[in-house]
Amino acid sequence: MMTAPADRVEAEARRLLQERIERLPWYPRMKPHEREAAIRADLDRYWRVMQPEAIHALQATFATTASKQAA
């Protein structure tokens, strides 16, 4: 099993969390620039919650890439 570097895991975790936050109706009464600032703050605070999902997603990507290269 391959492990991903910490910076790639963090980037993927932040991406996954941002997608989830933007899909949900969080911060409904905020102006757009206030909402973006709140999302950025939440990404800084909570990206670690998404680490297991990020690692799983990166491992799946690596496995798919490796199988394509082997074929």
Protein backbone atom coordinates (compact mmCIF):
# COMPACT_ATOMS: atom_id res chain seq x y z
CA MET A 1 0.00 0.00 0.00
CA MET A 2 1.33 3.40 -0.94
CA THR A 3 1.22 6.40 1.40
CA ALA A 4 0.69 9.95 0.24
CA PRO A 5 2.84 12.88 1.37
CA ALA A 6 1.34 15.00 4.14
CA ASP A 7 0.90 18.07 1.94
CA ARG A 8 -1.08 16.09 -0.64
CA VAL A 9 -3.26 14.63 2.10
CA GLU A 10 -3.92 18.10 3.51
CA ALA A 11 -4.73 19.53 0.08
CA GLU A 12 -7.12 16.68 -0.68
CA ALA A 13 -8.76 16.94 2.75
CA ARG A 14 -9.29 20.67 2.27
CA ARG A 15 -10.73 20.09 -1.20
CA LEU A 16 -13.16 17.45 0.06
CA LEU A 17 -14.24 19.60 2.99
CA GLN A 18 -14.74 22.65 0.80
CA GLU A 19 -16.89 20.65 -1.62
CA ARG A 20 -19.01 19.40 1.26
CA ILE A 21 -19.41 22.84 2.83
CA GLU A 22 -20.34 24.47 -0.48
CA ARG A 23 -22.95 21.76 -1.22
CA LEU A 24 -24.73 22.36 2.07
CA PRO A 25 -26.71 25.47 3.00
CA TRP A 26 -24.25 26.59 5.65
CA TYR A 27 -24.08 30.31 6.41
CA PRO A 28 -27.33 31.08 4.54
CA ARG A 29 -27.73 34.69 5.66
CA MET A 30 -24.20 35.86 4.96
CA LYS A 31 -23.01 38.10 2.19
CA PRO A 32 -20.87 36.22 -0.36
CA HIS A 33 -17.55 37.64 0.86
CA GLU A 34 -18.47 36.88 4.50
CA ARG A 35 -19.45 33.33 3.55
CA GLU A 36 -16.13 32.81 1.72
CA ALA A 37 -14.21 34.06 4.75
CA ALA A 38 -16.19 31.74 7.04
CA ILE A 39 -15.53 28.79 4.73
CA ARG A 40 -11.79 29.56 4.67
CA ALA A 41 -11.76 29.71 8.48
CA ASP A 42 -13.60 26.38 8.70
CA LEU A 43 -11.16 24.80 6.26
CA ASP A 44 -8.26 25.92 8.46
CA ARG A 45 -9.99 24.58 11.57
CA TYR A 46 -11.51 21.32 10.41
CA TRP A 47 -9.56 19.92 7.44
CA ARG A 48 -8.10 17.22 9.70
CA VAL A 49 -11.57 15.70 10.09
CA MET A 50 -11.41 14.78 6.41
CA GLN A 51 -7.94 13.15 6.58
CA PRO A 52 -9.20 9.54 6.50
CA GLU A 53 -11.36 10.25 3.43
CA ALA A 54 -8.51 12.14 1.77
CA ILE A 55 -6.07 9.26 2.32
CA HIS A 56 -8.61 6.80 0.94
CA ALA A 57 -9.26 8.99 -2.12
CA LEU A 58 -5.54 9.42 -2.81
CA GLN A 59 -4.87 5.70 -2.43
CA ALA A 60 -7.69 4.96 -4.87
CA THR A 61 -6.21 7.45 -7.32
CA PHE A 62 -2.75 5.90 -6.98
CA ALA A 63 -4.17 2.40 -7.46
CA THR A 64 -6.09 3.46 -10.59
CA THR A 65 -3.03 5.20 -12.01
CA ALA A 66 -0.81 2.20 -11.27
CA SER A 67 -3.23 -0.24 -12.90
CA LYS A 68 -3.50 1.93 -16.02
CA GLN A 69 0.28 2.14 -16.28
CA ALA A 70 0.59 -1.62 -15.87
CA ALA A 71 -1.90 -2.30 -18.66
